[in-house]
Amino acid sequence: MDSRKFEWLVAQAIESLPGEFQERLENIDIVVADLPTREQLRALGGRRGETLLGLYEGVPLTQRSHGYGFVIPDKVTIFQRPIESICKNDAQIIAEVQSVVRHEIAHHFGISDDRLRQLGRD
């Protein structure tokens, strides 16, 4: 998929978030990259064969103290090539981008992977 189209899909996924979440997306950069860097994989302790579709880097809102400020923005990176590698067509890519964006934004709000798995079962 063309990188501009993929970036547009990410922007659409952000715009589709409920307003109360969009309003709280302050001091956060959301970017697209082809692949995770070695540093990103190393920091996560990635295991062989594991596919990283997106990554949140920052301090979740739930862990910030009253004096939190004057810091670089949190960062959400959506990885295009891994998403494309697990999808068979554009419709699957669109759905996966939506899912990955919501998942990484949830981390910004302090929701853990374990909790996201629990919520997915309900």
N, C-alpha and C. Protein backbone atom coordinates (compact mmCIF):
# COMPACT_ATOMS: atom_id res chain seq x y z
N MET A 1 0.86 -1.18 0.00
CA MET A 1 0.00 0.00 0.00
C MET A 1 0.90 1.23 0.00
N ASP A 2 0.50 2.22 -0.72
CA ASP A 2 1.21 3.49 -0.76
C ASP A 2 1.29 4.08 0.66
N SER A 3 2.44 4.63 1.03
CA SER A 3 2.63 5.16 2.38
C SER A 3 1.67 6.31 2.70
N ARG A 4 1.34 7.13 1.71
CA ARG A 4 0.40 8.23 1.96
C ARG A 4 -1.00 7.71 2.30
N LYS A 5 -1.41 6.66 1.59
CA LYS A 5 -2.71 6.06 1.88
C LYS A 5 -2.71 5.46 3.28
N PHE A 6 -1.62 4.79 3.64
CA PHE A 6 -1.53 4.18 4.97
C PHE A 6 -1.58 5.27 6.05
N GLU A 7 -0.85 6.35 5.85
CA GLU A 7 -0.89 7.47 6.81
C GLU A 7 -2.29 8.05 6.92
N TRP A 8 -3.01 8.13 5.80
CA TRP A 8 -4.38 8.61 5.81
C TRP A 8 -5.27 7.68 6.63
N LEU A 9 -5.04 6.35 6.51
CA LEU A 9 -5.81 5.39 7.31
C LEU A 9 -5.57 5.60 8.81
N VAL A 10 -4.33 5.87 9.17
CA VAL A 10 -4.01 6.13 10.58
C VAL A 10 -4.73 7.41 11.04
N ALA A 11 -4.68 8.45 10.21
CA ALA A 11 -5.38 9.70 10.56
C ALA A 11 -6.88 9.46 10.70
N GLN A 12 -7.46 8.66 9.83
CA GLN A 12 -8.88 8.34 9.91
C GLN A 12 -9.18 7.57 11.20
N ALA A 13 -8.31 6.68 11.59
CA ALA A 13 -8.51 5.91 12.82
C ALA A 13 -8.51 6.84 14.03
N ILE A 14 -7.65 7.83 14.03
CA ILE A 14 -7.60 8.80 15.13
C ILE A 14 -8.87 9.64 15.15
N GLU A 15 -9.29 10.09 13.97
CA GLU A 15 -10.51 10.90 13.88
C GLU A 15 -11.75 10.11 14.28
N SER A 16 -11.71 8.80 14.17
CA SER A 16 -12.88 7.99 14.52
C SER A 16 -12.98 7.70 16.02
N LEU A 17 -11.96 8.10 16.78
CA LEU A 17 -12.02 7.91 18.24
C LEU A 17 -13.13 8.79 18.82
N PRO A 18 -13.78 8.33 19.89
CA PRO A 18 -14.78 9.18 20.53
C PRO A 18 -14.18 10.52 20.96
N GLY A 19 -14.99 11.55 20.91
CA GLY A 19 -14.54 12.91 21.22
C GLY A 19 -13.84 13.06 22.55
N GLU A 20 -14.33 12.35 23.58
CA GLU A 20 -13.71 12.49 24.90
C GLU A 20 -12.28 11.97 24.91
N PHE A 21 -11.94 11.04 24.02
CA PHE A 21 -10.56 10.56 23.92
C PHE A 21 -9.73 11.52 23.08
N GLN A 22 -10.29 12.00 21.99
CA GLN A 22 -9.56 12.94 21.14
C GLN A 22 -9.17 14.19 21.92
N GLU A 23 -10.08 14.66 22.79
CA GLU A 23 -9.81 15.87 23.58
C GLU A 23 -8.63 15.70 24.53
N ARG A 24 -8.33 14.47 24.92
CA ARG A 24 -7.26 14.22 25.88
C ARG A 24 -5.96 13.77 25.22
N LEU A 25 -5.90 13.84 23.90
CA LEU A 25 -4.68 13.50 23.18
C LEU A 25 -3.81 14.74 23.06
N GLU A 26 -3.24 15.13 24.17
CA GLU A 26 -2.37 16.30 24.22
C GLU A 26 -0.94 15.84 24.39
N ASN A 27 -0.01 16.54 23.76
CA ASN A 27 1.41 16.26 23.88
C ASN A 27 1.72 14.81 23.49
N ILE A 28 1.16 14.39 22.36
CA ILE A 28 1.41 13.04 21.86
C ILE A 28 1.55 13.12 20.34
N ASP A 29 2.61 12.49 19.84
CA ASP A 29 2.83 12.40 18.40
C ASP A 29 2.41 11.00 17.96
N ILE A 30 1.69 10.94 16.85
CA ILE A 30 1.29 9.66 16.28
C ILE A 30 1.90 9.61 14.89
N VAL A 31 2.79 8.64 14.70
CA VAL A 31 3.57 8.57 13.46
C VAL A 31 3.46 7.18 12.85
N VAL A 32 3.85 7.11 11.59
CA VAL A 32 3.91 5.84 10.86
C VAL A 32 5.37 5.57 10.53
N ALA A 33 5.79 4.33 10.71
CA ALA A 33 7.13 3.90 10.30
C ALA A 33 6.99 2.58 9.55
N ASP A 34 7.95 2.30 8.69
CA ASP A 34 7.91 1.02 7.97
C ASP A 34 8.05 -0.15 8.94
N LEU A 35 9.08 -0.09 9.78
CA LEU A 35 9.41 -1.18 10.71
C LEU A 35 9.89 -0.60 12.03
N PRO A 36 9.80 -1.37 13.11
CA PRO A 36 10.39 -0.92 14.36
C PRO A 36 11.91 -0.88 14.26
N THR A 37 12.52 0.04 14.99
CA THR A 37 13.97 0.10 15.02
C THR A 37 14.51 -0.99 15.93
N ARG A 38 15.78 -1.27 15.81
CA ARG A 38 16.41 -2.23 16.73
C ARG A 38 16.27 -1.78 18.17
N GLU A 39 16.41 -0.47 18.39
CA GLU A 39 16.30 0.06 19.75
C GLU A 39 14.90 -0.16 20.31
N GLN A 40 13.89 0.05 19.50
CA GLN A 40 12.51 -0.18 19.95
C GLN A 40 12.30 -1.65 20.29
N LEU A 41 12.79 -2.53 19.46
CA LEU A 41 12.64 -3.97 19.73
C LEU A 41 13.44 -4.38 20.96
N ARG A 42 14.63 -3.85 21.10
CA ARG A 42 15.47 -4.19 22.25
C ARG A 42 14.83 -3.69 23.54
N ALA A 43 14.29 -2.49 23.53
CA ALA A 43 13.66 -1.93 24.74
C ALA A 43 12.47 -2.77 25.19
N LEU A 44 11.79 -3.39 24.25
CA LEU A 44 10.65 -4.23 24.58
C LEU A 44 11.04 -5.65 24.93
N GLY A 45 12.30 -6.00 24.68
CA GLY A 45 12.71 -7.38 24.91
C GLY A 45 12.01 -8.33 23.96
N GLY A 46 11.81 -7.86 22.73
CA GLY A 46 11.07 -8.64 21.74
C GLY A 46 11.62 -10.04 21.55
N ARG A 47 10.73 -10.97 21.40
CA ARG A 47 11.09 -12.37 21.17
C ARG A 47 11.12 -12.65 19.68
N ARG A 48 11.95 -13.60 19.28
CA ARG A 48 12.02 -14.00 17.87
C ARG A 48 10.64 -14.42 17.38
N GLY A 49 10.32 -13.98 16.18
CA GLY A 49 9.06 -14.37 15.59
C GLY A 49 7.88 -13.51 16.02
N GLU A 50 8.11 -12.60 16.95
CA GLU A 50 7.04 -11.72 17.42
C GLU A 50 6.91 -10.55 16.45
N THR A 51 5.69 -10.21 16.10
CA THR A 51 5.43 -9.12 15.17
C THR A 51 4.93 -7.92 15.95
N LEU A 52 5.61 -6.79 15.81
CA LEU A 52 5.22 -5.56 16.49
C LEU A 52 4.47 -4.68 15.50
N LEU A 53 3.18 -4.45 15.78
CA LEU A 53 2.33 -3.69 14.87
C LEU A 53 2.27 -2.21 15.24
N GLY A 54 2.44 -1.92 16.52
CA GLY A 54 2.40 -0.55 17.00
C GLY A 54 3.12 -0.46 18.32
N LEU A 55 3.47 0.76 18.73
CA LEU A 55 4.22 0.95 19.96
C LEU A 55 3.87 2.28 20.59
N TYR A 56 3.59 2.25 21.89
CA TYR A 56 3.40 3.47 22.68
C TYR A 56 4.67 3.69 23.49
N GLU A 57 5.23 4.88 23.39
CA GLU A 57 6.39 5.26 24.18
C GLU A 57 6.06 6.55 24.92
N GLY A 58 6.05 6.47 26.23
CA GLY A 58 5.74 7.65 27.02
C GLY A 58 5.32 7.29 28.42
N VAL A 59 4.74 8.27 29.09
CA VAL A 59 4.23 8.09 30.45
C VAL A 59 2.71 8.14 30.38
N PRO A 60 2.04 7.01 30.68
CA PRO A 60 0.57 7.00 30.61
C PRO A 60 -0.05 8.07 31.51
N LEU A 61 -1.19 8.56 31.11
CA LEU A 61 -1.88 9.61 31.88
C LEU A 61 -2.10 9.20 33.32
N THR A 62 -2.35 7.92 33.57
CA THR A 62 -2.61 7.44 34.92
C THR A 62 -1.38 7.44 35.82
N GLN A 63 -0.19 7.60 35.24
CA GLN A 63 1.04 7.58 36.02
C GLN A 63 1.67 8.96 36.16
N ARG A 64 1.00 9.97 35.69
CA ARG A 64 1.56 11.32 35.75
C ARG A 64 1.16 12.00 37.05
N SER A 65 2.12 12.67 37.64
CA SER A 65 1.85 13.41 38.88
C SER A 65 1.42 14.83 38.54
N HIS A 66 1.06 15.56 39.56
CA HIS A 66 0.60 16.94 39.39
C HIS A 66 1.69 17.81 38.76
N GLY A 67 2.93 17.53 39.07
CA GLY A 67 4.03 18.34 38.56
C GLY A 67 4.55 17.92 37.20
N TYR A 68 3.87 17.00 36.55
CA TYR A 68 4.31 16.51 35.24
C TYR A 68 4.17 17.62 34.21
N GLY A 69 5.24 17.93 33.52
CA GLY A 69 5.18 18.95 32.49
C GLY A 69 6.55 19.21 31.89
N PHE A 70 6.58 20.01 30.85
CA PHE A 70 7.80 20.37 30.16
C PHE A 70 8.60 19.15 29.74
N VAL A 71 7.92 18.20 29.11
CA VAL A 71 8.54 16.96 28.65
C VAL A 71 8.30 16.81 27.16
N ILE A 72 9.10 15.98 26.53
CA ILE A 72 8.88 15.71 25.11
C ILE A 72 7.56 14.95 24.98
N PRO A 73 6.93 15.05 23.83
CA PRO A 73 5.65 14.37 23.65
C PRO A 73 5.78 12.85 23.74
N ASP A 74 4.72 12.21 24.22
CA ASP A 74 4.61 10.76 24.11
C ASP A 74 4.54 10.45 22.62
N LYS A 75 4.81 9.20 22.28
CA LYS A 75 4.84 8.84 20.87
C LYS A 75 4.14 7.50 20.65
N VAL A 76 3.27 7.48 19.67
CA VAL A 76 2.66 6.24 19.18
C VAL A 76 3.17 6.05 17.76
N THR A 77 3.75 4.88 17.53
CA THR A 77 4.22 4.55 16.19
C THR A 77 3.40 3.36 15.67
N ILE A 78 2.89 3.51 14.47
CA ILE A 78 2.16 2.44 13.80
C ILE A 78 3.08 1.92 12.69
N PHE A 79 3.34 0.62 12.69
CA PHE A 79 4.30 0.03 11.77
C PHE A 79 3.60 -0.56 10.55
N GLN A 80 3.84 0.05 9.40
CA GLN A 80 3.13 -0.29 8.18
C GLN A 80 3.44 -1.70 7.68
N ARG A 81 4.68 -2.04 7.53
CA ARG A 81 5.02 -3.33 6.90
C ARG A 81 4.55 -4.53 7.72
N PRO A 82 4.71 -4.53 9.05
CA PRO A 82 4.17 -5.67 9.80
C PRO A 82 2.64 -5.81 9.68
N ILE A 83 1.95 -4.66 9.67
CA ILE A 83 0.49 -4.73 9.51
C ILE A 83 0.15 -5.31 8.15
N GLU A 84 0.82 -4.82 7.12
CA GLU A 84 0.55 -5.35 5.77
C GLU A 84 0.88 -6.84 5.69
N SER A 85 1.90 -7.28 6.42
CA SER A 85 2.32 -8.69 6.32
C SER A 85 1.30 -9.66 6.91
N ILE A 86 0.45 -9.19 7.83
CA ILE A 86 -0.54 -10.10 8.42
C ILE A 86 -1.92 -9.97 7.78
N CYS A 87 -2.04 -9.05 6.83
CA CYS A 87 -3.34 -8.82 6.19
C CYS A 87 -3.31 -9.30 4.74
N LYS A 88 -4.46 -9.77 4.27
CA LYS A 88 -4.57 -10.30 2.92
C LYS A 88 -5.09 -9.28 1.91
N ASN A 89 -5.76 -8.23 2.39
CA ASN A 89 -6.33 -7.26 1.47
C ASN A 89 -6.49 -5.91 2.17
N ASP A 90 -6.90 -4.90 1.41
CA ASP A 90 -7.04 -3.55 1.95
C ASP A 90 -8.06 -3.48 3.08
N ALA A 91 -9.15 -4.24 2.97
CA ALA A 91 -10.17 -4.22 4.03
C ALA A 91 -9.58 -4.70 5.35
N GLN A 92 -8.74 -5.72 5.31
CA GLN A 92 -8.10 -6.20 6.54
C GLN A 92 -7.10 -5.18 7.07
N ILE A 93 -6.38 -4.51 6.17
CA ILE A 93 -5.43 -3.47 6.60
C ILE A 93 -6.18 -2.36 7.30
N ILE A 94 -7.29 -1.92 6.76
CA ILE A 94 -8.09 -0.85 7.36
C ILE A 94 -8.53 -1.27 8.76
N ALA A 95 -9.05 -2.47 8.91
CA ALA A 95 -9.51 -2.95 10.21
C ALA A 95 -8.35 -3.07 11.20
N GLU A 96 -7.21 -3.55 10.73
CA GLU A 96 -6.05 -3.73 11.62
C GLU A 96 -5.50 -2.38 12.06
N VAL A 97 -5.44 -1.41 11.15
CA VAL A 97 -4.98 -0.07 11.53
C VAL A 97 -5.88 0.51 12.61
N GLN A 98 -7.19 0.37 12.43
CA GLN A 98 -8.14 0.86 13.45
C GLN A 98 -7.85 0.21 14.79
N SER A 99 -7.67 -1.10 14.79
CA SER A 99 -7.43 -1.85 16.01
C SER A 99 -6.12 -1.45 16.68
N VAL A 100 -5.05 -1.34 15.90
CA VAL A 100 -3.73 -1.01 16.46
C VAL A 100 -3.73 0.41 17.01
N VAL A 101 -4.33 1.35 16.30
CA VAL A 101 -4.39 2.73 16.80
C VAL A 101 -5.13 2.77 18.13
N ARG A 102 -6.29 2.12 18.22
CA ARG A 102 -7.04 2.10 19.48
C ARG A 102 -6.23 1.45 20.60
N HIS A 103 -5.54 0.36 20.28
CA HIS A 103 -4.73 -0.36 21.26
C HIS A 103 -3.62 0.54 21.83
N GLU A 104 -2.89 1.22 20.95
CA GLU A 104 -1.77 2.06 21.41
C GLU A 104 -2.27 3.31 22.13
N ILE A 105 -3.37 3.87 21.69
CA ILE A 105 -3.96 5.02 22.40
C ILE A 105 -4.43 4.58 23.78
N ALA A 106 -4.93 3.36 23.90
CA ALA A 106 -5.34 2.84 25.21
C ALA A 106 -4.16 2.83 26.18
N HIS A 107 -2.98 2.48 25.70
CA HIS A 107 -1.79 2.52 26.56
C HIS A 107 -1.52 3.95 27.05
N HIS A 108 -1.74 4.93 26.21
CA HIS A 108 -1.58 6.35 26.61
C HIS A 108 -2.51 6.67 27.78
N PHE A 109 -3.68 6.05 27.78
CA PHE A 109 -4.65 6.28 28.86
C PHE A 109 -4.43 5.34 30.05
N GLY A 110 -3.37 4.55 30.00
CA GLY A 110 -3.01 3.72 31.16
C GLY A 110 -3.62 2.33 31.17
N ILE A 111 -4.15 1.88 30.06
CA ILE A 111 -4.76 0.55 30.00
C ILE A 111 -3.69 -0.44 29.55
N SER A 112 -3.46 -1.48 30.34
CA SER A 112 -2.41 -2.46 30.06
C SER A 112 -2.85 -3.47 29.01
N ASP A 113 -1.87 -4.20 28.48
CA ASP A 113 -2.18 -5.28 27.53
C ASP A 113 -3.09 -6.32 28.17
N ASP A 114 -2.82 -6.67 29.44
CA ASP A 114 -3.67 -7.66 30.12
C ASP A 114 -5.11 -7.18 30.19
N ARG A 115 -5.30 -5.92 30.56
CA ARG A 115 -6.66 -5.37 30.65
C ARG A 115 -7.33 -5.31 29.28
N LEU A 116 -6.56 -4.97 28.26
CA LEU A 116 -7.12 -4.94 26.90
C LEU A 116 -7.58 -6.34 26.48
N ARG A 117 -6.80 -7.36 26.84
CA ARG A 117 -7.22 -8.73 26.53
C ARG A 117 -8.52 -9.07 27.25
N GLN A 118 -8.64 -8.67 28.52
CA GLN A 118 -9.86 -8.91 29.28
C GLN A 118 -11.05 -8.20 28.63
N LEU A 119 -10.86 -6.97 28.24
CA LEU A 119 -11.94 -6.22 27.62
C LEU A 119 -12.34 -6.83 26.28
N GLY A 120 -11.39 -7.40 25.57
CA GLY A 120 -11.67 -8.03 24.28
C GLY A 120 -12.52 -9.28 24.41
N ARG A 121 -12.49 -9.91 25.57
CA ARG A 121 -13.28 -11.13 25.78
C ARG A 121 -14.73 -10.83 26.11
N ASP A 122 -15.00 -9.63 26.57
CA ASP A 122 -16.36 -9.29 27.00
C ASP A 122 -17.27 -9.05 25.82
